[in-house]
N, C-alpha and C. Protein backbone atom coordinates (compact mmCIF):
# COMPACT_ATOMS: atom_id res chain seq x y z
N MET A 1 -88.86 -23.50 -45.95
CA MET A 1 -88.71 -23.62 -47.18
C MET A 1 -89.44 -25.03 -47.94
N TYR A 2 -89.80 -25.85 -47.41
CA TYR A 2 -90.72 -26.90 -47.75
C TYR A 2 -92.21 -26.76 -47.98
N ASP A 3 -92.21 -25.88 -47.07
CA ASP A 3 -93.80 -25.28 -47.22
C ASP A 3 -93.74 -24.51 -48.71
N PHE A 4 -93.07 -23.60 -48.67
CA PHE A 4 -92.89 -23.07 -49.89
C PHE A 4 -92.79 -23.72 -51.09
N LEU A 5 -92.37 -24.66 -51.32
CA LEU A 5 -92.38 -26.05 -52.34
C LEU A 5 -93.41 -26.22 -52.33
N LEU A 6 -94.14 -26.88 -51.44
CA LEU A 6 -95.35 -26.82 -51.45
C LEU A 6 -96.34 -26.49 -51.99
N TYR A 7 -96.23 -25.14 -51.96
CA TYR A 7 -97.26 -24.28 -52.56
C TYR A 7 -96.88 -23.93 -53.68
N LEU A 8 -95.61 -23.95 -54.41
CA LEU A 8 -94.85 -23.61 -55.60
C LEU A 8 -94.94 -24.34 -56.70
N PHE A 9 -95.09 -25.88 -56.57
CA PHE A 9 -94.78 -26.68 -57.14
C PHE A 9 -96.00 -26.57 -58.04
N PRO A 10 -97.16 -26.70 -57.55
CA PRO A 10 -98.78 -27.02 -58.31
C PRO A 10 -98.75 -25.66 -58.92
N GLU A 11 -98.82 -24.57 -58.68
CA GLU A 11 -98.51 -23.55 -59.28
C GLU A 11 -97.52 -23.65 -60.81
N LEU A 12 -96.26 -23.92 -60.97
CA LEU A 12 -95.48 -23.42 -61.83
C LEU A 12 -96.08 -24.95 -62.99
N SER A 13 -96.85 -26.04 -62.54
CA SER A 13 -97.79 -26.75 -63.24
C SER A 13 -98.67 -26.29 -64.26
N ARG A 14 -99.11 -25.13 -63.40
CA ARG A 14 -100.23 -24.46 -64.23
C ARG A 14 -99.73 -23.39 -65.58
N PHE A 15 -98.28 -23.11 -65.31
CA PHE A 15 -97.71 -22.25 -66.16
C PHE A 15 -98.26 -22.47 -67.76
N PRO A 16 -98.00 -21.41 -68.73
CA PRO A 16 -98.97 -21.85 -70.27
C PRO A 16 -97.62 -22.96 -70.46
N ARG A 17 -97.79 -23.68 -71.79
CA ARG A 17 -96.82 -24.86 -72.06
C ARG A 17 -95.94 -24.03 -72.87
N ASP A 18 -95.87 -22.77 -73.42
CA ASP A 18 -94.59 -21.70 -73.85
C ASP A 18 -93.41 -21.87 -72.70
N HIS A 19 -94.38 -21.39 -71.83
CA HIS A 19 -93.17 -21.20 -70.31
C HIS A 19 -93.00 -22.32 -69.00
N LYS A 20 -93.67 -23.05 -69.35
CA LYS A 20 -93.60 -24.33 -68.22
C LYS A 20 -92.43 -25.12 -68.13
N PHE A 21 -91.75 -25.14 -69.23
CA PHE A 21 -90.36 -26.05 -69.22
C PHE A 21 -89.46 -24.99 -69.68
N VAL A 22 -89.26 -24.02 -69.81
CA VAL A 22 -88.03 -23.18 -69.84
C VAL A 22 -87.99 -22.40 -68.38
N LEU A 23 -89.12 -21.85 -67.92
CA LEU A 23 -89.09 -20.76 -67.27
C LEU A 23 -89.58 -21.70 -66.03
N GLY A 24 -90.75 -22.61 -65.88
CA GLY A 24 -91.33 -22.97 -64.69
C GLY A 24 -89.91 -24.38 -64.20
N ASP A 25 -88.92 -25.10 -65.33
CA ASP A 25 -88.10 -25.77 -65.01
C ASP A 25 -87.13 -25.31 -64.21
N ARG A 26 -86.79 -23.90 -64.55
CA ARG A 26 -85.81 -22.96 -63.80
C ARG A 26 -86.20 -22.92 -62.69
N VAL A 27 -87.46 -22.20 -62.24
CA VAL A 27 -88.01 -21.55 -61.11
C VAL A 27 -87.46 -23.28 -60.19
N GLN A 28 -88.33 -23.83 -60.72
CA GLN A 28 -88.44 -25.07 -59.99
C GLN A 28 -86.63 -26.03 -59.47
N LYS A 29 -86.32 -25.63 -60.42
CA LYS A 29 -84.14 -26.17 -59.83
C LYS A 29 -83.94 -25.40 -59.05
N LEU A 30 -84.07 -23.59 -59.24
CA LEU A 30 -83.76 -23.02 -58.17
C LEU A 30 -84.18 -23.14 -56.61
N ALA A 31 -85.21 -23.43 -56.72
CA ALA A 31 -86.28 -23.68 -55.32
C ALA A 31 -85.54 -24.60 -54.50
N LEU A 32 -85.25 -26.03 -55.46
CA LEU A 32 -84.87 -27.19 -54.70
C LEU A 32 -83.59 -26.86 -54.82
N ASP A 33 -82.53 -26.07 -55.24
CA ASP A 33 -81.24 -25.69 -54.73
C ASP A 33 -81.08 -24.89 -53.71
N ILE A 34 -81.87 -24.38 -53.30
CA ILE A 34 -81.90 -23.50 -52.08
C ILE A 34 -82.35 -24.31 -51.15
N LEU A 35 -83.19 -25.25 -51.43
CA LEU A 35 -83.44 -26.78 -50.37
C LEU A 35 -82.19 -26.97 -50.00
N ASP A 36 -81.72 -27.84 -50.92
CA ASP A 36 -80.62 -28.65 -50.70
C ASP A 36 -79.93 -27.66 -49.67
N ASP A 37 -79.06 -26.20 -50.09
CA ASP A 37 -78.32 -25.78 -49.55
C ASP A 37 -78.50 -25.60 -48.01
N PHE A 38 -79.95 -25.30 -47.66
CA PHE A 38 -80.46 -25.35 -46.61
C PHE A 38 -80.03 -26.34 -45.37
N ILE A 39 -79.78 -27.49 -46.16
CA ILE A 39 -79.90 -28.98 -45.62
C ILE A 39 -78.44 -29.22 -45.38
N VAL A 40 -77.74 -28.74 -46.03
CA VAL A 40 -75.87 -28.87 -46.22
C VAL A 40 -75.83 -27.98 -45.46
N ALA A 41 -75.98 -26.40 -45.23
CA ALA A 41 -75.53 -25.55 -44.68
C ALA A 41 -76.24 -25.86 -42.61
N TYR A 42 -76.86 -26.66 -42.87
CA TYR A 42 -77.50 -27.04 -40.88
C TYR A 42 -76.49 -28.36 -40.87
N TYR A 43 -76.19 -29.47 -41.47
CA TYR A 43 -75.40 -30.27 -41.20
C TYR A 43 -73.72 -30.02 -41.84
N SER A 44 -73.50 -28.60 -42.05
CA SER A 44 -71.78 -28.30 -42.20
C SER A 44 -71.31 -27.74 -41.15
N ARG A 45 -70.13 -27.80 -41.14
CA ARG A 45 -68.93 -26.84 -40.17
C ARG A 45 -69.23 -25.42 -40.98
N ASN A 46 -69.22 -25.36 -42.23
CA ASN A 46 -68.93 -23.89 -42.83
C ASN A 46 -70.60 -23.48 -43.24
N LYS A 47 -71.50 -23.27 -42.15
CA LYS A 47 -72.46 -22.91 -42.99
C LYS A 47 -72.70 -21.71 -43.78
N LEU A 48 -71.35 -20.94 -43.23
CA LEU A 48 -71.88 -19.55 -43.85
C LEU A 48 -71.59 -19.41 -45.42
N ASP A 49 -70.97 -20.28 -46.23
CA ASP A 49 -70.44 -20.31 -47.57
C ASP A 49 -71.96 -20.44 -47.97
N ARG A 50 -72.52 -21.96 -47.59
CA ARG A 50 -73.75 -22.61 -48.27
C ARG A 50 -75.04 -21.55 -47.91
N LEU A 51 -75.02 -20.59 -46.79
CA LEU A 51 -75.75 -19.51 -46.71
C LEU A 51 -76.21 -18.29 -47.92
N ARG A 52 -74.92 -17.93 -47.95
CA ARG A 52 -74.56 -17.02 -48.87
C ARG A 52 -74.62 -17.35 -50.20
N GLU A 53 -74.73 -18.44 -51.25
CA GLU A 53 -74.93 -19.39 -52.02
C GLU A 53 -76.95 -19.31 -51.80
N ALA A 54 -77.38 -19.84 -50.83
CA ALA A 54 -78.51 -19.44 -51.07
C ALA A 54 -79.21 -18.39 -51.08
N ASN A 55 -78.65 -17.32 -50.36
CA ASN A 55 -78.98 -16.26 -50.57
C ASN A 55 -78.77 -15.58 -52.29
N LEU A 56 -77.89 -16.00 -52.83
CA LEU A 56 -77.73 -15.68 -53.84
C LEU A 56 -78.41 -16.09 -54.95
N LYS A 57 -78.85 -17.30 -54.78
CA LYS A 57 -79.69 -18.02 -55.63
C LYS A 57 -81.63 -18.03 -55.12
N LEU A 58 -81.96 -16.98 -54.43
CA LEU A 58 -83.07 -16.63 -53.36
C LEU A 58 -83.02 -15.56 -54.32
N GLU A 59 -82.57 -14.85 -54.64
CA GLU A 59 -81.79 -13.30 -55.73
C GLU A 59 -82.65 -13.38 -56.86
N GLN A 60 -81.95 -14.59 -57.05
CA GLN A 60 -82.32 -14.90 -58.65
C GLN A 60 -83.62 -15.52 -58.63
N LEU A 61 -84.59 -16.37 -57.70
CA LEU A 61 -85.35 -16.60 -57.78
C LEU A 61 -86.66 -16.11 -57.79
N ARG A 62 -86.40 -14.71 -57.09
CA ARG A 62 -86.84 -13.59 -56.87
C ARG A 62 -87.01 -12.87 -58.25
N PHE A 63 -86.43 -12.88 -59.21
CA PHE A 63 -86.23 -12.40 -60.43
C PHE A 63 -86.49 -13.21 -61.29
N LEU A 64 -86.80 -14.51 -61.01
CA LEU A 64 -87.65 -15.11 -61.90
C LEU A 64 -89.06 -15.41 -61.64
N ILE A 65 -89.30 -14.97 -60.49
CA ILE A 65 -90.94 -14.87 -60.18
C ILE A 65 -91.76 -13.59 -60.82
N ARG A 66 -90.51 -13.04 -60.53
CA ARG A 66 -91.11 -11.35 -61.43
C ARG A 66 -91.50 -11.14 -62.52
N LEU A 67 -90.50 -12.20 -63.39
CA LEU A 67 -90.47 -12.11 -64.89
C LEU A 67 -92.14 -13.14 -65.14
N SER A 68 -92.00 -13.98 -64.26
CA SER A 68 -93.25 -15.16 -64.50
C SER A 68 -94.45 -14.05 -64.00
N HIS A 69 -94.33 -13.10 -63.06
CA HIS A 69 -95.64 -12.08 -63.22
C HIS A 69 -95.40 -11.72 -64.13
N ASP A 70 -95.04 -10.95 -64.96
CA ASP A 70 -94.94 -9.71 -66.01
C ASP A 70 -95.22 -10.63 -67.26
N LEU A 71 -94.59 -12.29 -67.27
CA LEU A 71 -95.55 -12.83 -68.31
C LEU A 71 -96.83 -13.68 -68.47
N LYS A 72 -97.12 -13.02 -67.09
CA LYS A 72 -98.45 -13.58 -67.23
C LYS A 72 -99.00 -14.97 -66.95
N CYS A 73 -97.85 -15.46 -66.01
CA CYS A 73 -98.18 -17.01 -66.13
C CYS A 73 -98.30 -17.18 -64.37
N LEU A 74 -98.37 -15.86 -63.55
CA LEU A 74 -98.53 -15.76 -62.13
C LEU A 74 -99.84 -14.86 -62.17
N SER A 75 -101.19 -14.82 -61.24
CA SER A 75 -101.40 -13.99 -61.31
C SER A 75 -101.15 -12.75 -60.40
N HIS A 76 -101.62 -11.52 -60.02
CA HIS A 76 -101.09 -10.48 -59.10
C HIS A 76 -101.07 -11.24 -57.72
N LYS A 77 -102.38 -11.84 -57.11
CA LYS A 77 -102.57 -12.74 -56.10
C LYS A 77 -101.62 -13.57 -55.59
N LYS A 78 -101.42 -14.91 -56.55
CA LYS A 78 -100.29 -15.77 -56.87
C LYS A 78 -98.86 -14.84 -56.39
N TYR A 79 -98.42 -14.17 -57.26
CA TYR A 79 -97.24 -13.35 -57.06
C TYR A 79 -96.84 -13.18 -55.43
N GLY A 80 -98.32 -11.90 -55.39
CA GLY A 80 -98.00 -11.38 -54.30
C GLY A 80 -97.75 -12.80 -53.15
N ILE A 81 -98.74 -13.63 -52.82
CA ILE A 81 -98.10 -14.69 -51.89
C ILE A 81 -96.97 -15.32 -51.92
N ILE A 82 -96.48 -15.68 -53.26
CA ILE A 82 -94.48 -16.15 -53.34
C ILE A 82 -93.70 -15.21 -53.12
N SER A 83 -94.42 -13.57 -53.67
CA SER A 83 -93.15 -12.60 -52.99
C SER A 83 -92.80 -12.80 -51.54
N SER A 84 -93.92 -12.86 -50.89
CA SER A 84 -93.88 -12.67 -49.43
C SER A 84 -93.18 -13.88 -48.89
N LYS A 85 -93.35 -15.06 -49.60
CA LYS A 85 -92.97 -16.23 -49.20
C LYS A 85 -91.34 -16.05 -48.94
N ILE A 86 -91.02 -15.55 -50.49
CA ILE A 86 -89.49 -15.64 -50.66
C ILE A 86 -88.99 -14.65 -49.27
N ASN A 87 -89.60 -13.34 -49.49
CA ASN A 87 -88.75 -12.30 -48.26
C ASN A 87 -88.80 -13.10 -46.65
N GLU A 88 -89.77 -13.69 -46.65
CA GLU A 88 -89.50 -14.68 -45.20
C GLU A 88 -88.48 -15.57 -45.61
N ILE A 89 -88.42 -16.49 -46.31
CA ILE A 89 -87.07 -16.88 -46.18
C ILE A 89 -85.91 -16.15 -46.56
N GLY A 90 -86.20 -15.27 -47.18
CA GLY A 90 -84.30 -14.39 -47.30
C GLY A 90 -84.23 -13.63 -46.06
N GLY A 91 -85.54 -13.36 -44.88
CA GLY A 91 -85.17 -13.07 -43.95
C GLY A 91 -84.92 -14.09 -42.85
N THR A 92 -85.17 -15.18 -43.01
CA THR A 92 -84.46 -16.28 -42.22
C THR A 92 -82.99 -16.60 -42.63
N ILE A 93 -82.72 -16.77 -44.07
CA ILE A 93 -81.17 -16.69 -43.67
C ILE A 93 -80.47 -15.30 -43.28
N GLY A 94 -80.76 -14.46 -43.54
CA GLY A 94 -80.43 -13.17 -43.01
C GLY A 94 -79.70 -13.48 -41.45
N ASN A 95 -80.83 -13.49 -40.81
CA ASN A 95 -81.08 -14.09 -39.30
C ASN A 95 -80.44 -15.53 -39.36
N TRP A 96 -79.94 -16.21 -40.02
CA TRP A 96 -78.93 -17.24 -39.39
C TRP A 96 -77.99 -16.75 -39.76
N ILE A 97 -77.37 -15.90 -40.72
CA ILE A 97 -76.07 -15.62 -41.20
C ILE A 97 -75.50 -14.60 -40.17
N LYS A 98 -76.83 -13.89 -39.60
CA LYS A 98 -76.01 -13.05 -38.24
C LYS A 98 -75.54 -13.43 -36.95
N SER A 99 -76.82 -14.65 -36.93
CA SER A 99 -76.47 -15.43 -35.57
C SER A 99 -75.16 -15.99 -36.14
N ILE A 100 -74.26 -16.28 -37.09
CA ILE A 100 -73.31 -17.39 -37.35
C ILE A 100 -72.41 -16.13 -37.14
N ASN A 101 -72.62 -14.89 -37.17
CA ASN A 101 -71.43 -13.82 -37.38
C ASN A 101 -71.12 -13.37 -35.83
N LYS A 102 -72.19 -13.42 -35.12
CA LYS A 102 -72.11 -13.34 -33.51
C LYS A 102 -71.44 -14.59 -32.97
N GLU A 103 -71.34 -15.55 -33.36
CA GLU A 103 -70.55 -16.51 -32.43
C GLU A 103 -69.02 -16.29 -33.02
N ARG A 104 -68.96 -15.75 -33.79
CA ARG A 104 -67.48 -15.81 -34.57
C ARG A 104 -66.64 -14.68 -33.98
């Protein structure tokens, strides 16, 4: 997630001015919230609730990234890279949830 943020934030700063402060800020906040959820889940006893929260936020992030692409804030290439990174993060969340469910 940290590496994803390192890639995403410079891209958000390139958003057109009319989308940077609403859409860009929303994407940035959601991405940071997901990182927070990962950190809390890692150190928490009740990991499952936090991971489900992170998964929901990741889905919201997917739609905002898609909207950013449709509004021409992201090129096709950047959209593809960001989308694949989001899918990787989603797979990580899914695997983490599966491993917790197996322990129970």
